[in-house]
Protein backbone atom coordinates (compact mmCIF):
# COMPACT_ATOMS: atom_id res chain seq x y z
CA MET A 1 4.58 4.57 20.29
CA ALA A 2 3.26 0.94 20.52
CA LYS A 3 0.04 1.84 22.36
CA LYS A 4 -2.19 -1.02 23.43
CA LEU A 5 -5.52 -0.82 21.64
CA PRO A 6 -8.85 -1.70 23.26
CA PRO A 7 -10.13 -5.15 22.16
CA ASN A 8 -11.87 -5.09 18.75
CA TYR A 9 -11.10 -1.39 18.33
CA LYS A 10 -12.25 0.22 15.08
CA PRO A 11 -11.71 3.93 14.35
CA SER A 12 -14.85 6.01 14.37
CA GLU A 13 -15.86 9.40 13.01
CA ASP A 14 -17.29 10.10 16.50
CA GLU A 15 -13.87 10.37 18.17
CA PRO A 16 -11.17 13.00 17.73
CA PHE A 17 -9.42 12.58 14.38
CA MET A 18 -5.99 10.87 14.55
CA ASN A 19 -6.13 10.37 18.30
CA PRO A 20 -3.57 7.92 19.77
CA ASN A 21 -5.88 4.91 19.26
CA GLN A 22 -6.45 5.74 15.61
CA LEU A 23 -2.76 6.31 15.01
CA GLU A 24 -1.88 2.97 16.62
CA TYR A 25 -4.65 1.21 14.71
CA PHE A 26 -3.36 2.46 11.35
CA ARG A 27 0.28 1.87 12.34
CA LYS A 28 -0.54 -1.76 13.10
CA LYS A 29 -2.61 -2.11 9.93
CA LEU A 30 0.26 -0.75 7.81
CA LEU A 31 2.86 -2.92 9.54
CA ASP A 32 0.75 -6.06 9.09
CA TRP A 33 0.28 -5.22 5.42
CA ARG A 34 4.00 -4.64 4.99
CA ILE A 35 4.89 -7.93 6.67
CA SER A 36 2.47 -9.75 4.39
CA LEU A 37 3.98 -8.19 1.25
CA VAL A 38 7.54 -8.94 2.34
CA ARG A 39 6.58 -12.56 3.08
CA GLU A 40 4.97 -12.93 -0.36
CA THR A 41 8.08 -11.51 -1.99
CA ALA A 42 10.33 -13.94 -0.16
CA GLU A 43 8.07 -16.86 -1.16
CA THR A 44 8.17 -15.78 -4.80
CA LEU A 45 11.96 -15.54 -4.78
CA ASN A 46 12.22 -18.99 -3.18
CA ASN A 47 9.84 -20.44 -5.75
CA LEU A 48 11.72 -18.86 -8.65
CA GLN A 49 15.02 -20.24 -7.40
CA ALA A 50 13.60 -23.72 -6.67
CA GLU A 51 11.72 -24.27 -9.95
CA PRO A 52 13.76 -26.25 -12.45
CA LEU A 53 13.44 -25.03 -16.02
CA ASP A 54 12.78 -27.75 -18.58
CA ASP A 55 14.18 -26.59 -21.92
CA SER A 56 12.77 -29.50 -23.92
CA ASP A 57 9.31 -28.09 -24.66
CA LEU A 58 9.25 -24.58 -26.14
CA VAL A 59 5.61 -24.02 -25.24
CA ASP A 60 6.24 -25.01 -21.60
CA ARG A 61 9.28 -22.76 -21.52
CA ALA A 62 7.31 -19.82 -22.97
CA VAL A 63 4.48 -20.31 -20.45
CA HIS A 64 7.02 -20.55 -17.61
CA GLU A 65 8.79 -17.36 -18.74
CA ALA A 66 5.46 -15.52 -19.02
CA ASP A 67 4.55 -16.67 -15.49
CA VAL A 68 7.91 -15.51 -14.17
CA ALA A 69 7.55 -12.12 -15.89
CA ARG A 70 4.06 -11.68 -14.41
CA GLU A 71 5.33 -12.58 -10.93
CA LEU A 72 8.21 -10.11 -11.26
CA ARG A 73 5.85 -7.31 -12.33
CA THR A 74 3.62 -8.11 -9.37
CA ARG A 75 6.57 -8.03 -7.00
CA ASP A 76 7.75 -4.72 -8.49
CA ARG A 77 4.32 -3.21 -7.80
CA GLU A 78 4.50 -4.61 -4.28
CA ARG A 79 8.00 -3.12 -3.82
CA LYS A 80 6.57 0.28 -4.70
CA LEU A 81 3.65 -0.35 -2.33
CA ILE A 82 6.08 -1.18 0.50
CA ALA A 83 7.77 2.18 -0.10
CA LYS A 84 4.38 3.90 0.20
CA ILE A 85 3.65 1.98 3.39
CA ASP A 86 7.01 3.07 4.80
CA ALA A 87 6.19 6.67 3.92
CA ALA A 88 2.82 6.35 5.67
CA LEU A 89 4.53 4.96 8.78
CA LEU A 90 6.87 7.95 8.75
CA ARG A 91 3.84 10.27 8.53
CA ILE A 92 2.42 8.57 11.62
CA GLU A 93 5.69 9.28 13.41
CA ASP A 94 5.87 12.93 12.33
CA GLY A 95 2.20 13.66 13.01
CA THR A 96 1.06 14.28 9.42
CA TYR A 97 -0.66 10.94 8.82
CA GLY A 98 -4.32 11.20 7.95
CA TYR A 99 -4.11 14.74 6.61
CA CYS A 100 -4.14 15.70 2.94
CA GLU A 101 -0.72 16.71 1.67
CA GLN A 102 -2.31 19.40 -0.53
CA THR A 103 -5.04 20.86 1.67
CA ASN A 104 -4.06 19.75 5.20
CA GLU A 105 -7.70 18.66 5.66
CA PRO A 106 -8.44 15.31 7.35
CA ILE A 107 -8.50 12.52 4.75
CA GLY A 108 -11.26 10.71 6.61
CA ILE A 109 -11.48 7.40 8.44
CA LYS A 110 -13.43 5.57 5.68
CA ARG A 111 -10.89 6.51 3.02
CA LEU A 112 -7.95 5.54 5.26
CA GLU A 113 -9.63 2.22 6.06
CA ALA A 114 -9.93 1.53 2.33
CA ARG A 115 -6.50 2.92 1.44
CA PRO A 116 -4.28 3.36 4.50
CA ILE A 117 -1.49 4.83 2.34
CA ALA A 118 -3.70 7.66 1.05
CA THR A 119 -2.05 11.07 1.04
CA LEU A 120 -4.94 13.06 -0.45
CA THR A 121 -8.59 13.60 0.40
CA LEU A 122 -10.99 12.04 -2.07
CA GLU A 123 -11.68 15.48 -3.59
CA ALA A 124 -7.97 16.29 -3.96
CA GLN A 125 -7.35 12.84 -5.45
CA GLU A 126 -10.14 13.29 -7.98
CA LEU A 127 -8.76 16.71 -8.96
CA HIS A 128 -5.27 15.23 -9.29
CA GLU A 129 -6.58 12.46 -11.55
CA ARG A 130 -8.55 14.91 -13.72
CA LEU A 131 -5.44 17.07 -14.13
CA GLU A 132 -3.35 14.00 -15.03
CA LYS A 133 -5.94 12.91 -17.61
CA THR A 134 -6.05 16.42 -19.10
CA LYS A 135 -2.25 16.46 -19.30
CA ARG A 136 -2.19 13.03 -21.00
CA ASP A 137 -4.90 14.07 -23.45
CA ASN A 138 -2.93 17.22 -24.37
CA ASP A 139 0.34 15.36 -24.93
């Protein structure tokens, strides 16, 4: 793919949905996001390996362990996010990106700008969340 975008290109509702410029725009946006997440993960791993652990103060050790646990939870969320980014990139390749996986309706440029990994229209997402809440409330 690797289409060259016009300078300062931003997708618009006035152009055909998921035209080559839009697809390239979102592909680049997803790749940049992925690169950023991978870089942050590498930095965290380097920091965790480089930080010496001082056993002498129990409070310091507890704070350090809590910080490490929080960092690891964050990185786990980012690992899952990278998988969603990879799935979105595959949808760009197979021509399904930007369309709701339940209704096949366009997800919409504004929603994709806000959440480029979105797989559902706002309406389908809201329905999904209501059904999940109902299921949790009934369990």
